[in-house]
Amino acid sequence: EIPDLEKEWDAIFAMIAKKNLNLSEEEIQQEID
């Protein structure tokens, strides 16, 4: 079973929007790194 990465990213961005964090993609990538 290979996870659908696009769905996972959509869920992450939805959670960020719900919490009103307003993080940029660059900030998210920095956190991942």
All heavy atoms as atom14 arrays in JSON, in Angstrom:
{
  "sequence": "EIPDLEKEWDAIFAMIAKKNLNLSEEEIQQEID",
  "atom14_mask": [
    [1, 1, 1, 1, 1, 1, 1, 1, 1, 0, 0, 0, 0, 0],
    [1, 1, 1, 1, 1, 1, 1, 1, 0, 0, 0, 0, 0, 0],
    [1, 1, 1, 1, 1, 1, 1, 0, 0, 0, 0, 0, 0, 0],
    [1, 1, 1, 1, 1, 1, 1, 1, 0, 0, 0, 0, 0, 0],
    [1, 1, 1, 1, 1, 1, 1, 1, 0, 0, 0, 0, 0, 0],
    [1, 1, 1, 1, 1, 1, 1, 1, 1, 0, 0, 0, 0, 0],
    [1, 1, 1, 1, 1, 1, 1, 1, 1, 0, 0, 0, 0, 0],
    [1, 1, 1, 1, 1, 1, 1, 1, 1, 0, 0, 0, 0, 0],
    [1, 1, 1, 1, 1, 1, 1, 1, 1, 1, 1, 1, 1, 1],
    [1, 1, 1, 1, 1, 1, 1, 1, 0, 0, 0, 0, 0, 0],
    [1, 1, 1, 1, 1, 0, 0, 0, 0, 0, 0, 0, 0, 0],
    [1, 1, 1, 1, 1, 1, 1, 1, 0, 0, 0, 0, 0, 0],
    [1, 1, 1, 1, 1, 1, 1, 1, 1, 1, 1, 0, 0, 0],
    [1, 1, 1, 1, 1, 0, 0, 0, 0, 0, 0, 0, 0, 0],
    [1, 1, 1, 1, 1, 1, 1, 1, 0, 0, 0, 0, 0, 0],
    [1, 1, 1, 1, 1, 1, 1, 1, 0, 0, 0, 0, 0, 0],
    [1, 1, 1, 1, 1, 0, 0, 0, 0, 0, 0, 0, 0, 0],
    [1, 1, 1, 1, 1, 1, 1, 1, 1, 0, 0, 0, 0, 0],
    [1, 1, 1, 1, 1, 1, 1, 1, 1, 0, 0, 0, 0, 0],
    [1, 1, 1, 1, 1, 1, 1, 1, 0, 0, 0, 0, 0, 0],
    [1, 1, 1, 1, 1, 1, 1, 1, 0, 0, 0, 0, 0, 0],
    [1, 1, 1, 1, 1, 1, 1, 1, 0, 0, 0, 0, 0, 0],
    [1, 1, 1, 1, 1, 1, 1, 1, 0, 0, 0, 0, 0, 0],
    [1, 1, 1, 1, 1, 1, 0, 0, 0, 0, 0, 0, 0, 0],
    [1, 1, 1, 1, 1, 1, 1, 1, 1, 0, 0, 0, 0, 0],
    [1, 1, 1, 1, 1, 1, 1, 1, 1, 0, 0, 0, 0, 0],
    [1, 1, 1, 1, 1, 1, 1, 1, 1, 0, 0, 0, 0, 0],
    [1, 1, 1, 1, 1, 1, 1, 1, 0, 0, 0, 0, 0, 0],
    [1, 1, 1, 1, 1, 1, 1, 1, 1, 0, 0, 0, 0, 0],
    [1, 1, 1, 1, 1, 1, 1, 1, 1, 0, 0, 0, 0, 0],
    [1, 1, 1, 1, 1, 1, 1, 1, 1, 0, 0, 0, 0, 0],
    [1, 1, 1, 1, 1, 1, 1, 1, 0, 0, 0, 0, 0, 0],
    [1, 1, 1, 1, 1, 1, 1, 1, 0, 0, 0, 0, 0, 0]
  ],
  "atom14_positions": [
    [[0.86, -1.19, 0.0], [0.0, 0.0, 0.0], [0.89, 1.23, 0.0], [1.65, 1.46, 0.94], [-0.91, 0.01, 1.24], [-1.83, -1.18, 1.36], [-2.95, -1.18, 0.32], [-3.26, -0.12, -0.25], [-3.52, -2.26, 0.09], [0.0, 0.0, 0.0], [0.0, 0.0, 0.0], [0.0, 0.0, 0.0], [0.0, 0.0, 0.0], [0.0, 0.0, 0.0]],
    [[0.82, 2.02, -1.05], [1.62, 3.24, -1.16], [0.69, 4.42, -0.89], [-0.33, 4.57, -1.57], [2.26, 3.35, -2.55], [3.16, 2.13, -2.78], [3.02, 4.65, -2.7], [3.76, 2.05, -4.15], [0.0, 0.0, 0.0], [0.0, 0.0, 0.0], [0.0, 0.0, 0.0], [0.0, 0.0, 0.0], [0.0, 0.0, 0.0], [0.0, 0.0, 0.0]],
    [[1.04, 5.24, 0.11], [0.15, 6.36, 0.44], [0.08, 7.38, -0.69], [1.03, 7.56, -1.45], [0.81, 6.97, 1.68], [2.22, 6.51, 1.66], [2.24, 5.21, 0.93], [0.0, 0.0, 0.0], [0.0, 0.0, 0.0], [0.0, 0.0, 0.0], [0.0, 0.0, 0.0], [0.0, 0.0, 0.0], [0.0, 0.0, 0.0], [0.0, 0.0, 0.0]],
    [[-1.06, 8.02, -0.8], [-1.27, 9.07, -1.8], [-0.72, 10.37, -1.21], [-1.33, 11.0, -0.35], [-2.76, 9.21, -2.1], [-3.05, 10.21, -3.2], [-2.23, 11.12, -3.43], [-4.1, 10.08, -3.84], [0.0, 0.0, 0.0], [0.0, 0.0, 0.0], [0.0, 0.0, 0.0], [0.0, 0.0, 0.0], [0.0, 0.0, 0.0], [0.0, 0.0, 0.0]],
    [[0.48, 10.76, -1.66], [1.15, 11.93, -1.09], [0.38, 13.22, -1.34], [0.39, 14.12, -0.5], [2.57, 12.04, -1.64], [3.5, 10.9, -1.27], [4.88, 11.11, -1.87], [3.61, 10.75, 0.24], [0.0, 0.0, 0.0], [0.0, 0.0, 0.0], [0.0, 0.0, 0.0], [0.0, 0.0, 0.0], [0.0, 0.0, 0.0], [0.0, 0.0, 0.0]],
    [[-0.3, 13.31, -2.48], [-1.07, 14.52, -2.75], [-2.19, 14.69, -1.72], [-2.41, 15.79, -1.2], [-1.66, 14.46, -4.16], [-2.36, 15.75, -4.57], [-2.8, 15.74, -6.02], [-2.32, 14.91, -6.8], [-3.65, 16.59, -6.35], [0.0, 0.0, 0.0], [0.0, 0.0, 0.0], [0.0, 0.0, 0.0], [0.0, 0.0, 0.0], [0.0, 0.0, 0.0]],
    [[-2.86, 13.59, -1.37], [-3.91, 13.66, -0.34], [-3.32, 14.02, 1.02], [-3.92, 14.78, 1.78], [-4.65, 12.32, -0.25], [-5.6, 12.07, -1.38], [-6.36, 10.77, -1.16], [-7.29, 10.48, -2.33], [-7.99, 9.2, -2.16], [0.0, 0.0, 0.0], [0.0, 0.0, 0.0], [0.0, 0.0, 0.0], [0.0, 0.0, 0.0], [0.0, 0.0, 0.0]],
    [[-2.14, 13.48, 1.32], [-1.5, 13.81, 2.6], [-1.15, 15.29, 2.68], [-1.37, 15.94, 3.7], [-0.26, 12.94, 2.82], [-0.61, 11.51, 3.16], [0.6, 10.68, 3.55], [1.67, 11.27, 3.87], [0.48, 9.45, 3.55], [0.0, 0.0, 0.0], [0.0, 0.0, 0.0], [0.0, 0.0, 0.0], [0.0, 0.0, 0.0], [0.0, 0.0, 0.0]],
    [[-0.59, 15.83, 1.58], [-0.27, 17.25, 1.56], [-1.53, 18.1, 1.68], [-1.54, 19.12, 2.39], [0.5, 17.63, 0.29], [1.98, 17.45, 0.42], [2.72, 16.5, -0.2], [2.88, 18.19, 1.24], [4.03, 16.62, 0.17], [4.16, 17.65, 1.05], [2.73, 19.25, 2.11], [5.28, 18.15, 1.71], [3.85, 19.74, 2.76], [5.11, 19.2, 2.56]],
    [[-2.59, 17.72, 0.98], [-3.86, 18.45, 1.07], [-4.35, 18.47, 2.52], [-4.83, 19.49, 3.01], [-4.92, 17.84, 0.16], [-4.64, 18.09, -1.32], [-3.8, 18.97, -1.63], [-5.25, 17.4, -2.16], [0.0, 0.0, 0.0], [0.0, 0.0, 0.0], [0.0, 0.0, 0.0], [0.0, 0.0, 0.0], [0.0, 0.0, 0.0], [0.0, 0.0, 0.0]],
    [[-4.22, 17.33, 3.22], [-4.65, 17.26, 4.61], [-3.79, 18.16, 5.49], [-4.31, 18.84, 6.41], [-4.58, 15.81, 5.11], [0.0, 0.0, 0.0], [0.0, 0.0, 0.0], [0.0, 0.0, 0.0], [0.0, 0.0, 0.0], [0.0, 0.0, 0.0], [0.0, 0.0, 0.0], [0.0, 0.0, 0.0], [0.0, 0.0, 0.0], [0.0, 0.0, 0.0]],
    [[-2.49, 18.21, 5.23], [-1.59, 19.08, 6.01], [-1.97, 20.54, 5.81], [-2.11, 21.31, 6.77], [-0.12, 18.84, 5.62], [0.32, 17.46, 6.12], [0.78, 19.94, 6.17], [1.66, 17.0, 5.57], [0.0, 0.0, 0.0], [0.0, 0.0, 0.0], [0.0, 0.0, 0.0], [0.0, 0.0, 0.0], [0.0, 0.0, 0.0], [0.0, 0.0, 0.0]],
    [[-2.17, 20.94, 4.54], [-2.53, 22.34, 4.27], [-3.91, 22.68, 4.84], [-4.13, 23.79, 5.32], [-2.46, 22.64, 2.78], [-1.05, 22.81, 2.28], [-0.51, 21.9, 1.39], [-0.26, 23.86, 2.7], [0.8, 22.05, 0.93], [1.04, 24.03, 2.26], [1.58, 23.11, 1.36], [0.0, 0.0, 0.0], [0.0, 0.0, 0.0], [0.0, 0.0, 0.0]],
    [[-4.84, 21.73, 4.83], [-6.16, 21.97, 5.42], [-6.04, 22.19, 6.92], [-6.7, 23.07, 7.49], [-7.09, 20.8, 5.12], [0.0, 0.0, 0.0], [0.0, 0.0, 0.0], [0.0, 0.0, 0.0], [0.0, 0.0, 0.0], [0.0, 0.0, 0.0], [0.0, 0.0, 0.0], [0.0, 0.0, 0.0], [0.0, 0.0, 0.0], [0.0, 0.0, 0.0]],
    [[-5.18, 21.39, 7.59], [-4.98, 21.55, 9.02], [-4.34, 22.91, 9.33], [-4.75, 23.6, 10.27], [-4.07, 20.44, 9.55], [-3.82, 20.51, 11.04], [-2.66, 19.26, 11.62], [-1.16, 19.76, 10.78], [0.0, 0.0, 0.0], [0.0, 0.0, 0.0], [0.0, 0.0, 0.0], [0.0, 0.0, 0.0], [0.0, 0.0, 0.0], [0.0, 0.0, 0.0]],
    [[-3.39, 23.32, 8.51], [-2.74, 24.62, 8.7], [-3.76, 25.75, 8.54], [-3.81, 26.68, 9.34], [-1.56, 24.79, 7.71], [-0.42, 23.84, 8.1], [-1.08, 26.23, 7.66], [0.66, 23.72, 7.06], [0.0, 0.0, 0.0], [0.0, 0.0, 0.0], [0.0, 0.0, 0.0], [0.0, 0.0, 0.0], [0.0, 0.0, 0.0], [0.0, 0.0, 0.0]],
    [[-4.6, 25.64, 7.52], [-5.62, 26.66, 7.28], [-6.63, 26.69, 8.43], [-7.03, 27.77, 8.88], [-6.33, 26.4, 5.96], [0.0, 0.0, 0.0], [0.0, 0.0, 0.0], [0.0, 0.0, 0.0], [0.0, 0.0, 0.0], [0.0, 0.0, 0.0], [0.0, 0.0, 0.0], [0.0, 0.0, 0.0], [0.0, 0.0, 0.0], [0.0, 0.0, 0.0]],
    [[-7.01, 25.51, 8.92], [-7.99, 25.43, 10.02], [-7.45, 26.09, 11.28], [-8.17, 26.75, 12.01], [-8.34, 23.96, 10.29], [-9.39, 23.76, 11.34], [-9.72, 22.29, 11.5], [-10.77, 22.1, 12.58], [-11.08, 20.69, 12.77], [0.0, 0.0, 0.0], [0.0, 0.0, 0.0], [0.0, 0.0, 0.0], [0.0, 0.0, 0.0], [0.0, 0.0, 0.0]],
    [[-6.16, 25.91, 11.52], [-5.53, 26.49, 12.72], [-5.08, 27.93, 12.47], [-4.52, 28.56, 13.35], [-4.35, 25.63, 13.17], [-4.79, 24.28, 13.68], [-3.63, 23.49, 14.22], [-4.13, 22.16, 14.79], [-3.08, 21.42, 15.46], [0.0, 0.0, 0.0], [0.0, 0.0, 0.0], [0.0, 0.0, 0.0], [0.0, 0.0, 0.0], [0.0, 0.0, 0.0]],
    [[-5.33, 28.4, 11.25], [-5.01, 29.77, 10.88], [-3.53, 30.1, 11.12], [-3.19, 31.15, 11.64], [-5.92, 30.76, 11.61], [-6.01, 32.08, 10.88], [-5.72, 32.16, 9.69], [-6.41, 33.12, 11.59], [0.0, 0.0, 0.0], [0.0, 0.0, 0.0], [0.0, 0.0, 0.0], [0.0, 0.0, 0.0], [0.0, 0.0, 0.0], [0.0, 0.0, 0.0]],
    [[-2.64, 29.17, 10.73], [-1.22, 29.35, 10.96], [-0.55, 30.21, 9.88], [0.5, 30.79, 10.12], [-0.52, 27.99, 11.05], [-0.96, 27.11, 12.21], [-0.25, 25.76, 12.13], [-0.65, 27.78, 13.54], [0.0, 0.0, 0.0], [0.0, 0.0, 0.0], [0.0, 0.0, 0.0], [0.0, 0.0, 0.0], [0.0, 0.0, 0.0], [0.0, 0.0, 0.0]],
    [[-1.13, 30.24, 8.7], [-0.62, 31.05, 7.59], [0.88, 30.84, 7.34], [1.65, 31.79, 7.27], [-0.89, 32.54, 7.84], [-2.37, 32.84, 7.87], [-3.13, 32.24, 7.12], [-2.78, 33.73, 8.74], [0.0, 0.0, 0.0], [0.0, 0.0, 0.0], [0.0, 0.0, 0.0], [0.0, 0.0, 0.0], [0.0, 0.0, 0.0], [0.0, 0.0, 0.0]],
    [[1.28, 29.6, 7.23], [2.68, 29.27, 6.92], [2.87, 29.2, 5.42], [2.01, 28.71, 4.7], [3.06, 27.92, 7.53], [3.02, 27.82, 9.06], [3.25, 26.38, 9.48], [4.06, 28.73, 9.69], [0.0, 0.0, 0.0], [0.0, 0.0, 0.0], [0.0, 0.0, 0.0], [0.0, 0.0, 0.0], [0.0, 0.0, 0.0], [0.0, 0.0, 0.0]],
    [[4.02, 29.67, 4.96], [4.33, 29.57, 3.54], [4.88, 28.17, 3.26], [5.27, 27.44, 4.17], [5.38, 30.61, 3.15], [6.63, 30.28, 3.74], [0.0, 0.0, 0.0], [0.0, 0.0, 0.0], [0.0, 0.0, 0.0], [0.0, 0.0, 0.0], [0.0, 0.0, 0.0], [0.0, 0.0, 0.0], [0.0, 0.0, 0.0], [0.0, 0.0, 0.0]],
    [[4.93, 27.82, 1.97], [5.49, 26.52, 1.6], [6.95, 26.44, 2.04], [7.43, 25.39, 2.44], [5.37, 26.28, 0.1], [3.96, 25.92, -0.32], [3.88, 25.42, -1.75], [4.76, 24.63, -2.15], [2.95, 25.84, -2.46], [0.0, 0.0, 0.0], [0.0, 0.0, 0.0], [0.0, 0.0, 0.0], [0.0, 0.0, 0.0], [0.0, 0.0, 0.0]],
    [[7.66, 27.55, 1.96], [9.07, 27.58, 2.36], [9.2, 27.3, 3.87], [10.07, 26.53, 4.29], [9.69, 28.93, 2.03], [11.17, 29.01, 2.36], [11.78, 30.35, 1.98], [11.32, 30.98, 1.02], [12.73, 30.75, 2.66], [0.0, 0.0, 0.0], [0.0, 0.0, 0.0], [0.0, 0.0, 0.0], [0.0, 0.0, 0.0], [0.0, 0.0, 0.0]],
    [[8.32, 27.88, 4.67], [8.36, 27.64, 6.12], [8.03, 26.18, 6.44], [8.64, 25.57, 7.32], [7.39, 28.58, 6.84], [7.82, 30.02, 6.82], [6.73, 30.97, 7.29], [5.57, 30.8, 6.87], [7.05, 31.87, 8.08], [0.0, 0.0, 0.0], [0.0, 0.0, 0.0], [0.0, 0.0, 0.0], [0.0, 0.0, 0.0], [0.0, 0.0, 0.0]],
    [[7.08, 25.63, 5.71], [6.71, 24.23, 5.92], [7.89, 23.34, 5.55], [8.24, 22.41, 6.29], [5.47, 23.86, 5.08], [4.25, 24.61, 5.62], [5.23, 22.35, 5.1], [3.04, 24.52, 4.73], [0.0, 0.0, 0.0], [0.0, 0.0, 0.0], [0.0, 0.0, 0.0], [0.0, 0.0, 0.0], [0.0, 0.0, 0.0], [0.0, 0.0, 0.0]],
    [[8.56, 23.63, 4.43], [9.72, 22.83, 4.01], [10.85, 22.94, 5.04], [11.52, 21.94, 5.33], [10.21, 23.27, 2.64], [11.3, 22.38, 2.07], [10.83, 20.94, 1.88], [9.82, 20.69, 1.25], [11.57, 19.99, 2.43], [0.0, 0.0, 0.0], [0.0, 0.0, 0.0], [0.0, 0.0, 0.0], [0.0, 0.0, 0.0], [0.0, 0.0, 0.0]],
    [[11.04, 24.1, 5.63], [12.06, 24.26, 6.67], [11.75, 23.38, 7.88], [12.65, 22.77, 8.46], [12.17, 25.72, 7.09], [12.8, 26.62, 6.04], [12.72, 28.09, 6.39], [12.07, 28.49, 7.35], [13.38, 28.92, 5.58], [0.0, 0.0, 0.0], [0.0, 0.0, 0.0], [0.0, 0.0, 0.0], [0.0, 0.0, 0.0], [0.0, 0.0, 0.0]],
    [[10.48, 23.31, 8.25], [10.08, 22.46, 9.38], [10.31, 20.99, 9.05], [10.79, 20.22, 9.88], [8.6, 22.7, 9.74], [8.33, 24.02, 10.42], [9.05, 24.14, 11.76], [9.08, 23.14, 12.52], [9.58, 25.22, 12.03], [0.0, 0.0, 0.0], [0.0, 0.0, 0.0], [0.0, 0.0, 0.0], [0.0, 0.0, 0.0], [0.0, 0.0, 0.0]],
    [[9.97, 20.6, 7.84], [10.18, 19.21, 7.41], [11.68, 18.88, 7.46], [12.08, 17.84, 7.98], [9.61, 18.97, 6.0], [8.08, 19.04, 6.03], [10.09, 17.64, 5.42], [7.44, 19.07, 4.66], [0.0, 0.0, 0.0], [0.0, 0.0, 0.0], [0.0, 0.0, 0.0], [0.0, 0.0, 0.0], [0.0, 0.0, 0.0], [0.0, 0.0, 0.0]],
    [[12.5, 19.78, 6.92], [13.94, 19.56, 6.93], [14.48, 19.46, 8.36], [15.35, 18.64, 8.64], [14.67, 20.68, 6.18], [14.36, 20.68, 4.68], [13.91, 19.62, 4.16], [14.58, 21.72, 4.03], [0.0, 0.0, 0.0], [0.0, 0.0, 0.0], [0.0, 0.0, 0.0], [0.0, 0.0, 0.0], [0.0, 0.0, 0.0], [0.0, 0.0, 0.0]]
  ]
}
